Amino acid sequence: MCKAVYKPTTFIITTLYKSISIALFKSYIQRSSITHPSNKSRNISSKQTISIALFKSYIQRSSITHPSNKSRNISSKQTMATMPLYSSIHDWKSYIFMRTLLVLLLFGSTALCGSIIKTLPGFPGILPFKLETGYIKVESSEFFYYFVESQGNPSRDPLILHQLGGPGCSGLIGFLKQIGPLVFNLSTYGATLPSLQLAPYSWTEISSVIFIDAPIGTGFSYSNNPEDHFLSSDTNTALMVNKFMRKWLEDHSEFKENPFIIGGDSYGGLLAPIYVQEILEGNKMGQEPFINLKGFYVGSGHTDTDIEKNSIIPYVYHMGLISDDLYERAKESCGGNYVHVNATNTNCLNDIAKIAQCTKHINKYHILRTYCEKYLVKSKKDNQIQARRSTKEMSFCDENIPAIAIQNWANNKRVQDALQVRKGTFKKWYRCNFEDVGEGTYTNNVKSAVGYHKNLTNSSIEVLVYIGDHEVDISHISAERWIKSLNLTLHSDWRPWYTADQVAGYTMTYKNFNYRLTYATVKGAGHSPTEYKRKECYAMIQRWMNKSPL
């Protein structure tokens, strides 16, 4: 595995560099007019005499010391490149020689990657799993990631790249709320440092997971070029993530042969098939390293806006939220199209308005949960408003407690230091940076991912589409409609799937030669299912990764 701070080859090279640098400098001093201050016959500069001591001290005080020094995370390339060789060695021949040596050393050295995090503020003791955080530079952008190595068999278990939604929602949500090994003790949510505890049914028990902050501007990811934010889009993010993943595998070569899986949650569900297509095309073009892509999953995934919006009214009707008469009237007046309604069709518009009035105080993420839309943390303005509200005032709305906890935890300076976040690269951490990303400079240039899904049916990819049966906006009805449009062969018809002898949901599978799509509902879950039904989702992903029927 890529070492957090150092690699053995780097240590050997830099040790040699220090030794040779000091020896060469001594040699130069000895060949110069400087010998010893007691030699009165020579014109000796005390500054020059002291310079050798200063140069040696500089070398010894540099950050290139020993691989056991975990407190530093500085590239040996960067450190050596900043040494003031020319200012210390005035003789141009020695300078040329030293620069040539430096180039040889740099080409022979190895790049550093992330930092191993042994402890996290809020969690008692040493973490019982391997956590790495770091940045991968893609052009002028720096993508931050959290990597948890599999607690099972990391040399054989799948490697997952988990993409969150928004766009603009941090990978930290996946790590601390969905499929990671830690969750918050929600009784401490109002503290500036909420406490953490081990989570049951973590996907990291059976897979290694990279939680990425993408697109740029999400979480702790940033760019030194302001234009990157304006170029950011669905397709551009796919290009960047393809490069990110290949660079990450270069630094973690022991995972090159592991089965690789892309995961997309919510808006990440739209991005996932775009990522898959980009990576497959990169593999065909011979991009290195080769990515051993085997499949992807989509959880409560946004796929096609029109299909999803047109499925809302049938869904709320079937869940008993509007009457038969109102539904039938709307279906007739609108002709089944509730999105692009002609302005002259007043009957349809009136029926839609009545349905909206009936459902406006329903929690669209989970229809059985408390409605508290006005307290959701969505943007910087909302954060400022929420910060002024008392803990007591917000506590009744249990749905938002996890969001408050993660917001407080990630903005704690001790946490940011522990995660090795680069200072000065952001002003404040936002759970979902909608203002700068989702509703800011980001371009949503893919309105439907159905075409990408259709293209991938000609590949040998395994696909899992799962969805909570109690969410409104991205309902199981919409998922079943776009899956049906792929014109796949039904391999296994609608049936229940179980955990602990209880129905966990319903499933169907489709095939097209070597392509297989597994569709599953998660009974009682909302948006996203992993936040409501960890046990069931763990069983689901384990069976799917093993290519077993749900």
Protein backbone atom coordinates (compact mmCIF):
# COMPACT_ATOMS: atom_id res chain seq x y z
CA MET A 1 0.00 0.00 0.00
CA CYS A 2 1.08 3.60 -0.58
CA LYS A 3 2.72 4.74 2.65
CA ALA A 4 1.09 7.66 4.29
CA VAL A 5 4.14 9.84 4.68
CA TYR A 6 7.06 8.04 3.24
CA LYS A 7 8.34 5.24 1.03
CA PRO A 8 11.56 3.30 1.73
CA THR A 9 13.10 4.26 -1.62
CA THR A 10 12.52 7.92 -0.87
CA PHE A 11 14.24 7.57 2.49
CA ILE A 12 17.31 5.92 0.96
CA ILE A 13 17.56 8.48 -1.83
CA THR A 14 17.14 11.48 0.42
CA THR A 15 19.63 10.12 2.96
CA LEU A 16 22.14 9.78 0.14
CA TYR A 17 21.23 13.25 -1.04
CA LYS A 18 22.00 14.78 2.35
CA SER A 19 25.28 12.93 2.67
CA ILE A 20 26.45 13.78 -0.86
CA SER A 21 25.28 17.39 -0.53
CA ILE A 22 27.29 17.94 2.65
CA ALA A 23 30.33 16.12 1.25
CA LEU A 24 30.30 18.16 -1.96
CA PHE A 25 29.90 21.39 -0.07
CA LYS A 26 32.76 20.49 2.27
CA SER A 27 34.88 19.63 -0.75
CA TYR A 28 34.13 22.98 -2.29
CA ILE A 29 34.98 24.84 0.91
CA GLN A 30 38.23 22.97 1.27
CA ARG A 31 39.18 23.81 -2.32
CA SER A 32 38.35 27.44 -1.78
CA SER A 33 40.40 30.03 0.10
CA ILE A 34 38.69 29.05 3.35
CA THR A 35 40.69 26.78 5.63
CA HIS A 36 40.77 27.78 9.24
CA PRO A 37 40.36 31.09 10.99
CA SER A 38 43.83 30.76 12.53
CA ASN A 39 45.45 30.84 9.05
CA LYS A 40 46.30 34.51 8.95
CA SER A 41 47.92 34.37 5.52
CA ARG A 42 44.59 33.83 3.79
CA ASN A 43 41.80 36.30 3.18
CA ILE A 44 39.03 34.53 5.06
CA SER A 45 35.39 35.59 5.33
CA SER A 46 33.73 34.65 8.59
CA LYS A 47 30.42 34.48 6.72
CA GLN A 48 31.87 31.89 4.36
CA THR A 49 33.31 29.91 7.24
CA ILE A 50 29.96 29.75 8.94
CA SER A 51 28.12 28.88 5.72
CA ILE A 52 29.11 25.20 5.85
CA ALA A 53 27.61 24.88 9.31
CA LEU A 54 24.45 26.63 8.17
CA PHE A 55 24.17 24.43 5.09
CA LYS A 56 24.64 21.25 7.13
CA SER A 57 22.14 22.51 9.68
CA TYR A 58 19.63 23.25 6.89
CA ILE A 59 19.94 19.73 5.55
CA GLN A 60 19.50 18.22 9.01
CA ARG A 61 16.54 20.45 9.83
CA SER A 62 14.71 19.61 6.62
CA SER A 63 11.55 17.55 6.76
CA ILE A 64 13.29 14.62 5.05
CA THR A 65 14.20 12.57 8.05
CA HIS A 66 12.87 9.08 8.51
CA PRO A 67 9.74 7.17 7.47
CA SER A 68 8.70 6.85 11.07
CA ASN A 69 8.15 10.59 11.25
CA LYS A 70 4.38 10.50 10.75
CA SER A 71 3.78 14.07 11.80
CA ARG A 72 5.03 15.44 8.48
CA ASN A 73 3.40 15.12 5.11
CA ILE A 74 5.85 16.91 2.80
CA SER A 75 7.03 15.61 -0.53
CA SER A 76 10.76 15.04 -0.72
CA LYS A 77 10.61 16.46 -4.24
CA GLN A 78 9.18 19.70 -2.94
CA THR A 79 11.62 19.96 -0.05
CA MET A 80 14.73 19.32 -2.15
CA ALA A 81 13.50 21.62 -4.88
CA THR A 82 13.35 24.52 -2.44
CA MET A 83 16.91 24.14 -1.10
CA PRO A 84 18.85 27.30 -1.89
CA LEU A 85 21.72 25.48 -3.64
CA TYR A 86 22.75 28.39 -5.79
CA SER A 87 22.85 30.76 -2.87
CA SER A 88 25.07 28.36 -0.92
CA ILE A 89 27.36 27.23 -3.76
CA HIS A 90 28.73 30.15 -5.73
CA ASP A 91 31.02 28.12 -7.90
CA TRP A 92 29.05 27.49 -11.08
CA LYS A 93 30.66 24.14 -11.80
CA SER A 94 29.67 22.84 -8.40
CA TYR A 95 26.23 24.29 -8.90
CA ILE A 96 25.77 22.52 -12.26
CA PHE A 97 26.99 19.26 -10.75
CA MET A 98 24.63 19.56 -7.80
CA ARG A 99 21.66 20.43 -10.01
CA THR A 100 22.34 17.41 -12.22
CA LEU A 101 22.53 15.22 -9.16
CA LEU A 102 19.27 16.68 -7.89
CA VAL A 103 17.49 15.88 -11.17
CA LEU A 104 18.71 12.29 -11.03
CA LEU A 105 17.51 11.99 -7.46
CA LEU A 106 14.11 13.43 -8.25
CA PHE A 107 13.56 11.07 -11.15
CA GLY A 108 14.53 8.17 -8.96
CA SER A 109 12.29 9.11 -6.08
CA THR A 110 8.68 8.14 -5.55
CA ALA A 111 5.68 10.40 -5.02
CA LEU A 112 3.95 10.58 -1.69
CA CYS A 113 0.21 10.12 -1.41
CA GLY A 114 -2.14 10.45 1.56
CA SER A 115 -1.77 10.45 5.32
CA ILE A 116 -2.69 7.56 7.58
CA ILE A 117 -5.08 8.83 10.24
CA LYS A 118 -4.69 6.91 13.49
CA THR A 119 -7.14 8.89 15.62
CA LEU A 120 -10.09 11.20 15.05
CA PRO A 121 -11.42 13.85 17.45
CA GLY A 122 -14.65 12.58 18.99
CA PHE A 123 -13.65 8.92 18.78
CA PRO A 124 -12.04 7.31 21.84
CA GLY A 125 -8.69 5.65 21.20
CA ILE A 126 -7.02 4.34 18.06
CA LEU A 127 -9.21 3.75 15.01
CA PRO A 128 -9.72 -0.02 14.54
CA PHE A 129 -9.49 0.32 10.75
CA LYS A 130 -7.06 1.88 8.31
CA LEU A 131 -8.10 5.39 7.28
CA GLU A 132 -6.18 7.48 4.79
CA THR A 133 -6.94 11.01 3.66
CA GLY A 134 -5.24 13.06 1.01
CA TYR A 135 -5.37 15.04 -2.19
CA ILE A 136 -4.95 13.90 -5.78
CA LYS A 137 -3.93 16.66 -8.16
CA VAL A 138 -5.78 16.62 -11.49
CA GLU A 139 -4.56 19.47 -13.69
CA SER A 140 -4.92 22.54 -11.44
CA SER A 141 -7.57 20.96 -9.18
CA GLU A 142 -6.95 19.13 -5.90
CA PHE A 143 -9.50 16.41 -5.11
CA PHE A 144 -9.75 15.44 -1.44
CA TYR A 145 -10.58 11.85 -0.51
CA TYR A 146 -11.16 9.58 2.46
CA PHE A 147 -9.99 6.00 1.95
CA VAL A 148 -10.90 3.12 4.25
CA GLU A 149 -9.08 -0.14 3.58
CA SER A 150 -11.20 -3.28 3.74
CA GLN A 151 -11.37 -4.84 7.17
CA GLY A 152 -11.83 -8.20 5.45
CA ASN A 153 -9.32 -9.20 2.79
CA PRO A 154 -7.97 -5.98 1.25
CA SER A 155 -5.82 -7.82 -1.30
CA ARG A 156 -8.90 -9.47 -2.85
CA ASP A 157 -11.97 -7.47 -1.79
CA PRO A 158 -13.52 -4.99 -4.25
CA LEU A 159 -12.36 -1.38 -4.35
CA ILE A 160 -15.27 1.09 -4.41
CA LEU A 161 -15.31 4.75 -5.44
CA HIS A 162 -18.39 6.22 -3.71
CA GLN A 163 -19.76 9.42 -5.26
CA LEU A 164 -22.28 11.51 -3.30
CA GLY A 165 -25.03 13.70 -4.70
CA GLY A 166 -25.90 17.37 -4.81
CA PRO A 167 -23.93 18.04 -6.87
CA GLY A 168 -21.68 19.44 -4.17
CA CYS A 169 -22.25 17.01 -1.28
CA SER A 170 -19.11 15.81 0.50
CA GLY A 171 -17.85 12.25 0.57
CA LEU A 172 -17.77 12.65 4.35
CA ILE A 173 -21.54 12.03 4.29
CA GLY A 174 -20.96 8.59 2.85
CA PHE A 175 -18.21 7.94 5.38
CA LEU A 176 -20.15 9.03 8.48
CA LYS A 177 -23.83 8.55 7.53
CA GLN A 178 -24.21 5.88 4.89
CA ILE A 179 -21.75 3.02 4.40
CA GLY A 180 -18.66 3.90 6.45
CA PRO A 181 -17.33 2.40 9.69
CA LEU A 182 -18.27 5.35 11.93
CA VAL A 183 -21.47 7.16 12.87
CA PHE A 184 -22.27 9.98 15.26
CA ASN A 185 -23.59 9.55 18.74
CA LEU A 186 -26.59 11.72 17.95
CA SER A 187 -27.15 12.68 21.59
CA THR A 188 -24.06 14.91 21.18
CA TYR A 189 -25.11 16.51 17.89
CA GLY A 190 -25.32 20.04 19.30
CA ALA A 191 -21.74 20.04 20.61
CA THR A 192 -18.95 21.77 18.73
CA LEU A 193 -17.30 18.34 18.67
CA PRO A 194 -19.96 15.62 18.41
CA SER A 195 -18.73 12.17 19.43
CA LEU A 196 -18.27 9.21 17.10
CA GLN A 197 -18.88 5.51 17.55
CA LEU A 198 -18.39 2.36 15.48
CA ALA A 199 -21.12 1.65 12.96
CA PRO A 200 -22.59 -1.79 12.35
CA TYR A 201 -22.89 -3.22 8.85
CA SER A 202 -20.19 -1.03 7.30
CA TRP A 203 -19.44 -1.80 3.68
CA THR A 204 -15.77 -1.47 4.59
CA GLU A 205 -16.04 -4.86 6.28
CA ILE A 206 -16.14 -6.45 2.82
CA SER A 207 -14.63 -3.79 0.52
CA SER A 208 -12.15 -0.93 0.41
CA VAL A 209 -13.91 2.38 -0.16
CA ILE A 210 -12.77 5.76 -1.51
CA PHE A 211 -15.12 8.59 -0.52
CA ILE A 212 -14.36 11.44 -2.92
CA ASP A 213 -15.13 15.14 -2.61
CA ALA A 214 -16.26 15.83 -6.18
CA PRO A 215 -16.95 17.91 -8.22
CA ILE A 216 -14.39 20.61 -7.46
CA GLY A 217 -15.57 22.97 -4.71
CA THR A 218 -17.13 20.08 -2.79
CA GLY A 219 -16.02 19.44 0.77
CA PHE A 220 -12.26 20.04 1.06
CA SER A 221 -11.56 19.83 -2.68
CA TYR A 222 -10.33 23.03 -4.27
CA SER A 223 -8.60 24.51 -7.29
CA ASN A 224 -5.88 27.11 -7.69
CA ASN A 225 -7.46 28.14 -10.99
CA PRO A 226 -10.82 29.97 -10.69
CA GLU A 227 -11.72 28.90 -14.23
CA ASP A 228 -11.94 25.27 -13.06
CA HIS A 229 -15.15 26.08 -11.19
CA PHE A 230 -16.77 27.49 -14.33
CA LEU A 231 -15.66 24.49 -16.41
CA SER A 232 -17.12 22.09 -13.87
CA SER A 233 -19.98 20.01 -15.25
CA ASP A 234 -21.31 16.46 -15.34
CA THR A 235 -19.12 15.41 -18.26
CA ASN A 236 -16.07 17.42 -17.17
CA THR A 237 -16.27 15.88 -13.68
CA ALA A 238 -16.26 12.44 -15.31
CA LEU A 239 -13.05 13.34 -17.18
CA MET A 240 -11.46 14.56 -13.95
CA VAL A 241 -12.53 11.54 -11.90
CA ASN A 242 -11.13 9.19 -14.54
CA LYS A 243 -7.75 10.93 -14.15
CA PHE A 244 -8.14 10.99 -10.37
CA MET A 245 -8.70 7.25 -10.24
CA ARG A 246 -5.73 6.37 -12.43
CA LYS A 247 -3.45 8.62 -10.38
CA TRP A 248 -4.78 7.13 -7.16
CA LEU A 249 -4.02 3.62 -8.42
CA GLU A 250 -0.51 4.70 -9.38
CA ASP A 251 0.04 5.58 -5.72
CA HIS A 252 -1.74 2.44 -4.51
CA SER A 253 -0.51 -0.13 -6.99
CA GLU A 254 -1.45 -3.06 -4.75
CA PHE A 255 -5.13 -2.36 -5.59
CA LYS A 256 -4.72 -2.42 -9.40
CA GLU A 257 -5.90 -6.02 -9.68
CA ASN A 258 -8.84 -5.70 -7.27
CA PRO A 259 -12.33 -5.62 -8.78
CA PHE A 260 -13.23 -1.95 -9.10
CA ILE A 261 -16.78 -0.69 -8.54
CA ILE A 262 -18.21 2.82 -8.92
CA GLY A 263 -21.05 3.85 -6.64
CA GLY A 264 -23.39 6.79 -7.08
CA ASP A 265 -25.82 8.11 -4.47
CA SER A 266 -28.63 10.56 -5.33
CA TYR A 267 -27.21 12.97 -7.96
CA GLY A 268 -24.19 10.70 -7.97
CA GLY A 269 -26.52 8.18 -9.60
CA LEU A 270 -26.52 10.34 -12.72
CA LEU A 271 -22.72 10.67 -12.60
CA ALA A 272 -21.95 6.99 -12.01
CA PRO A 273 -22.72 5.67 -15.54
CA ILE A 274 -20.88 8.66 -17.05
CA TYR A 275 -17.83 7.78 -14.94
CA VAL A 276 -18.12 4.15 -16.03
CA GLN A 277 -18.24 5.03 -19.72
CA GLU A 278 -15.29 7.42 -19.37
CA ILE A 279 -13.17 4.79 -17.61
CA LEU A 280 -14.06 2.04 -20.10
CA GLU A 281 -13.14 4.32 -22.99
CA GLY A 282 -9.90 5.22 -21.23
CA ASN A 283 -9.06 1.54 -20.85
CA LYS A 284 -9.69 0.98 -24.58
CA MET A 285 -7.39 3.90 -25.41
CA GLY A 286 -4.62 2.33 -23.35
CA GLN A 287 -4.65 4.84 -20.51
CA GLU A 288 -2.52 3.68 -17.60
CA PRO A 289 -2.90 2.18 -15.18
CA PHE A 290 -5.65 -0.11 -16.45
CA ILE A 291 -8.72 0.05 -14.19
CA ASN A 292 -10.23 -3.35 -13.47
CA LEU A 293 -13.81 -2.05 -13.65
CA LYS A 294 -16.40 -4.74 -12.94
CA GLY A 295 -19.59 -2.86 -12.15
CA PHE A 296 -21.41 0.07 -10.60
CA TYR A 297 -24.32 0.69 -8.27
CA VAL A 298 -26.86 3.49 -8.11
CA GLY A 299 -28.63 4.23 -4.82
CA SER A 300 -31.72 6.45 -4.99
CA GLY A 301 -30.06 7.71 -8.11
CA HIS A 302 -31.19 10.71 -10.11
CA THR A 303 -31.34 9.48 -13.71
CA ASP A 304 -33.88 11.37 -15.83
CA THR A 305 -35.61 14.56 -14.67
CA ASP A 306 -38.74 14.21 -16.82
CA ILE A 307 -39.32 10.56 -15.90
CA GLU A 308 -38.84 11.34 -12.20
CA LYS A 309 -41.19 14.34 -12.18
CA ASN A 310 -43.83 12.52 -14.17
CA SER A 311 -43.68 9.67 -11.63
CA ILE A 312 -44.42 11.80 -8.57
CA ILE A 313 -48.19 12.07 -9.01
CA PRO A 314 -48.68 8.32 -9.68
CA TYR A 315 -46.50 7.61 -6.63
CA VAL A 316 -48.35 9.87 -4.18
CA TYR A 317 -51.62 8.40 -5.46
CA HIS A 318 -50.50 4.81 -4.90
CA MET A 319 -49.26 5.73 -1.43
CA GLY A 320 -52.69 7.11 -0.52
CA LEU A 321 -51.74 10.77 -0.34
CA ILE A 322 -54.35 11.96 -2.88
CA SER A 323 -57.84 10.69 -3.70
CA ASP A 324 -58.90 8.48 -6.59
CA ASP A 325 -61.02 11.27 -8.04
CA LEU A 326 -58.21 13.85 -7.96
CA TYR A 327 -55.73 11.42 -9.50
CA GLU A 328 -58.06 10.31 -12.29
CA ARG A 329 -59.02 13.90 -13.03
CA ALA A 330 -55.35 14.98 -13.24
CA LYS A 331 -54.43 11.97 -15.35
CA GLU A 332 -57.18 12.82 -17.83
CA SER A 333 -56.63 16.59 -17.95
CA CYS A 334 -52.83 16.29 -18.22
CA GLY A 335 -52.73 13.19 -20.39
CA GLY A 336 -50.15 11.61 -18.09
CA ASN A 337 -47.67 14.45 -18.68
CA TYR A 338 -47.26 16.59 -15.56
CA VAL A 339 -43.98 18.31 -16.50
CA HIS A 340 -44.27 20.21 -19.79
CA VAL A 341 -47.82 21.47 -19.45
CA ASN A 342 -49.22 23.90 -21.98
CA ALA A 343 -50.06 27.21 -20.33
CA THR A 344 -53.52 27.10 -21.90
CA ASN A 345 -54.35 23.78 -20.20
CA THR A 346 -55.85 25.35 -17.10
CA ASN A 347 -57.61 22.16 -15.96
CA CYS A 348 -54.31 20.31 -15.80
CA LEU A 349 -52.55 23.19 -14.04
CA ASN A 350 -55.36 23.46 -11.48
CA ASP A 351 -55.26 19.73 -10.75
CA ILE A 352 -51.47 19.81 -10.31
CA ALA A 353 -51.83 22.77 -7.94
CA LYS A 354 -54.38 20.85 -5.82
CA ILE A 355 -52.08 17.83 -5.62
CA ALA A 356 -49.19 20.07 -4.60
CA GLN A 357 -51.34 21.58 -1.86
CA CYS A 358 -52.15 18.09 -0.53
CA THR A 359 -48.51 16.99 -0.41
CA LYS A 360 -46.55 20.16 0.37
CA HIS A 361 -46.02 19.20 4.02
CA ILE A 362 -45.01 15.61 3.31
CA ASN A 363 -41.35 14.75 3.85
CA LYS A 364 -40.30 13.97 0.28
CA TYR A 365 -37.23 12.04 1.45
CA HIS A 366 -39.35 9.65 3.54
CA ILE A 367 -43.11 10.09 3.56
CA LEU A 368 -43.52 8.58 7.06
CA ARG A 369 -40.94 10.84 8.70
CA THR A 370 -41.33 14.30 10.20
CA TYR A 371 -41.60 17.13 7.71
CA CYS A 372 -38.99 19.76 8.52
CA GLU A 373 -37.94 21.16 5.17
CA LYS A 374 -37.39 24.67 6.47
CA TYR A 375 -34.68 23.45 8.85
CA LEU A 376 -32.58 21.59 6.30
CA VAL A 377 -29.02 22.85 5.85
CA LYS A 378 -28.91 23.66 2.16
CA SER A 379 -26.72 26.68 1.66
CA LYS A 380 -24.49 29.17 3.39
CA LYS A 381 -27.48 31.39 4.12
CA ASP A 382 -29.34 28.48 5.71
CA ASN A 383 -26.29 27.67 7.80
CA GLN A 384 -26.19 31.22 9.13
CA ILE A 385 -29.89 31.12 9.98
CA GLN A 386 -29.55 27.72 11.61
CA ALA A 387 -26.58 28.82 13.67
CA ARG A 388 -28.78 31.46 15.30
CA ARG A 389 -31.44 28.93 16.27
CA SER A 390 -31.13 27.29 19.64
CA THR A 391 -30.40 23.58 19.94
CA LYS A 392 -33.74 23.18 21.72
CA GLU A 393 -35.65 24.75 18.84
CA MET A 394 -34.08 22.40 16.27
CA SER A 395 -34.10 19.23 18.35
CA PHE A 396 -37.73 18.35 17.65
CA CYS A 397 -36.85 17.79 14.00
CA ASP A 398 -34.96 14.52 14.33
CA GLU A 399 -34.51 14.22 10.58
CA ASN A 400 -31.90 16.96 10.56
CA ILE A 401 -29.88 15.98 13.61
CA PRO A 402 -27.27 13.98 11.60
CA ALA A 403 -26.81 16.96 9.25
CA ILE A 404 -26.19 19.29 12.20
CA ALA A 405 -23.74 16.85 13.77
CA ILE A 406 -21.62 16.43 10.63
CA GLN A 407 -21.63 20.19 10.02
CA ASN A 408 -20.34 20.90 13.53
CA TRP A 409 -17.78 18.08 13.47
CA ALA A 410 -16.23 18.87 10.09
CA ASN A 411 -15.88 22.58 10.91
CA ASN A 412 -13.96 21.87 14.12
CA LYS A 413 -10.32 22.91 13.74
CA ARG A 414 -9.07 19.82 15.58
CA VAL A 415 -10.91 17.63 13.11
CA GLN A 416 -9.50 19.47 10.10
CA ASP A 417 -5.98 19.18 11.52
CA ALA A 418 -6.48 15.47 12.18
CA LEU A 419 -7.71 14.93 8.60
CA GLN A 420 -4.60 16.74 7.28
CA VAL A 421 -6.68 19.36 5.49
CA ARG A 422 -4.59 22.06 3.85
CA LYS A 423 -4.96 25.39 5.57
CA GLY A 424 -6.12 28.36 3.58
CA THR A 425 -7.78 26.30 0.82
CA PHE A 426 -11.35 26.91 1.99
CA LYS A 427 -13.26 29.27 4.27
CA LYS A 428 -15.86 26.92 5.73
CA TRP A 429 -16.84 23.30 5.19
CA TYR A 430 -20.37 22.69 3.91
CA ARG A 431 -22.10 19.35 4.00
CA CYS A 432 -23.56 20.17 0.60
CA ASN A 433 -22.10 23.23 -1.08
CA PHE A 434 -25.16 23.98 -3.17
CA GLU A 435 -24.51 27.70 -3.36
CA ASP A 436 -21.08 27.43 -5.00
CA VAL A 437 -21.54 24.11 -6.83
CA GLY A 438 -25.08 22.80 -7.30
CA GLU A 439 -26.69 26.21 -7.74
CA GLY A 440 -23.54 28.12 -8.60
CA THR A 441 -20.90 27.67 -11.28
CA TYR A 442 -21.56 23.96 -11.94
CA THR A 443 -23.22 23.10 -15.27
CA ASN A 444 -25.76 20.27 -15.27
CA ASN A 445 -25.12 19.35 -18.89
CA VAL A 446 -26.55 15.82 -18.75
CA LYS A 447 -30.33 15.92 -18.39
CA SER A 448 -30.78 12.17 -18.66
CA ALA A 449 -28.36 9.31 -17.97
CA VAL A 450 -30.60 6.76 -19.70
CA GLY A 451 -28.50 7.00 -22.87
CA TYR A 452 -25.36 6.13 -20.89
CA HIS A 453 -27.14 3.18 -19.30
CA LYS A 454 -28.28 2.06 -22.75
CA ASN A 455 -24.72 2.20 -24.11
CA LEU A 456 -23.41 0.15 -21.20
CA THR A 457 -25.87 -2.69 -21.85
CA ASN A 458 -23.44 -3.80 -24.57
CA SER A 459 -20.62 -4.21 -22.05
CA SER A 460 -19.86 -6.93 -19.50
CA ILE A 461 -20.76 -4.71 -16.57
CA GLU A 462 -22.73 -5.72 -13.47
CA VAL A 463 -25.21 -3.05 -12.35
CA LEU A 464 -27.19 -2.66 -9.13
CA VAL A 465 -30.02 -0.13 -8.93
CA TYR A 466 -31.61 0.15 -5.49
CA ILE A 467 -34.16 2.59 -4.16
CA GLY A 468 -36.18 3.27 -1.02
CA ASP A 469 -39.88 2.60 -1.44
CA HIS A 470 -40.88 5.57 0.75
CA GLU A 471 -39.30 8.49 -1.11
CA VAL A 472 -41.20 10.80 -3.42
CA ASP A 473 -38.90 12.66 -5.82
CA ILE A 474 -36.87 9.65 -7.00
CA SER A 475 -39.47 6.95 -6.60
CA HIS A 476 -39.41 3.26 -7.40
CA ILE A 477 -41.95 4.02 -10.13
CA SER A 478 -39.50 6.31 -11.93
CA ALA A 479 -36.68 3.76 -11.60
CA GLU A 480 -38.80 0.97 -13.02
CA ARG A 481 -39.86 3.19 -15.93
CA TRP A 482 -36.34 4.10 -17.09
CA ILE A 483 -35.09 0.53 -16.57
CA LYS A 484 -37.95 -0.71 -18.74
CA SER A 485 -36.89 1.73 -21.47
CA LEU A 486 -33.55 -0.12 -21.80
CA ASN A 487 -35.40 -3.04 -23.46
CA LEU A 488 -33.47 -5.71 -21.57
CA THR A 489 -34.40 -9.36 -21.27
CA LEU A 490 -36.12 -10.16 -17.99
CA HIS A 491 -33.99 -12.79 -16.27
CA SER A 492 -35.71 -13.04 -12.89
CA ASP A 493 -39.21 -11.68 -12.30
CA TRP A 494 -40.48 -9.57 -9.40
CA ARG A 495 -40.04 -11.34 -6.07
CA PRO A 496 -39.28 -10.47 -2.43
CA TRP A 497 -35.75 -10.60 -1.07
CA TYR A 498 -35.01 -11.30 2.60
CA THR A 499 -32.76 -10.59 5.55
CA ALA A 500 -33.19 -12.60 8.75
CA ASP A 501 -36.28 -14.29 7.29
CA GLN A 502 -37.97 -10.93 6.85
CA VAL A 503 -38.90 -9.24 3.58
CA ALA A 504 -36.28 -6.55 2.98
CA GLY A 505 -37.68 -5.40 -0.36
CA TYR A 506 -38.43 -6.62 -3.85
CA THR A 507 -36.13 -7.38 -6.75
CA MET A 508 -35.89 -8.19 -10.47
CA THR A 509 -32.88 -8.94 -12.68
CA TYR A 510 -32.33 -8.20 -16.37
CA LYS A 511 -29.69 -9.38 -18.81
CA ASN A 512 -28.23 -8.60 -22.20
CA PHE A 513 -25.56 -11.20 -23.03
CA ASN A 514 -22.78 -10.52 -20.45
CA TYR A 515 -24.47 -7.43 -19.03
CA ARG A 516 -26.67 -7.86 -15.96
CA LEU A 517 -28.79 -5.33 -14.07
CA THR A 518 -30.19 -6.10 -10.63
CA TYR A 519 -33.00 -3.87 -9.44
CA ALA A 520 -34.08 -3.78 -5.79
CA THR A 521 -36.41 -1.82 -3.59
CA VAL A 522 -35.51 -1.42 0.09
CA LYS A 523 -38.67 -1.76 2.16
CA GLY A 524 -39.27 1.12 4.56
CA ALA A 525 -36.30 3.15 3.34
CA GLY A 526 -36.23 6.70 2.13
CA HIS A 527 -33.59 8.83 0.44
CA SER A 528 -30.97 7.40 0.69
CA PRO A 529 -31.64 3.76 1.67
CA THR A 530 -28.27 3.26 3.39
CA GLU A 531 -29.18 5.99 5.87
CA TYR A 532 -32.33 4.14 6.92
CA LYS A 533 -31.66 0.42 6.48
CA ARG A 534 -27.97 -0.34 7.06
CA LYS A 535 -28.44 -4.03 7.79
CA GLU A 536 -30.56 -4.69 4.73
CA CYS A 537 -28.32 -2.63 2.43
CA TYR A 538 -25.23 -4.45 3.73
CA ALA A 539 -26.80 -7.83 2.89
CA MET A 540 -27.83 -6.50 -0.52
CA ILE A 541 -24.40 -5.20 -1.53
CA GLN A 542 -22.62 -8.29 -0.20
CA ARG A 543 -24.80 -10.63 -2.27
CA TRP A 544 -24.53 -8.46 -5.35
CA MET A 545 -20.73 -8.22 -5.16
CA ASN A 546 -20.60 -12.01 -4.79
CA LYS A 547 -22.87 -12.30 -7.87
CA SER A 548 -25.43 -14.11 -5.77
CA PRO A 549 -29.20 -13.60 -6.09
CA LEU A 550 -30.56 -11.10 -3.61
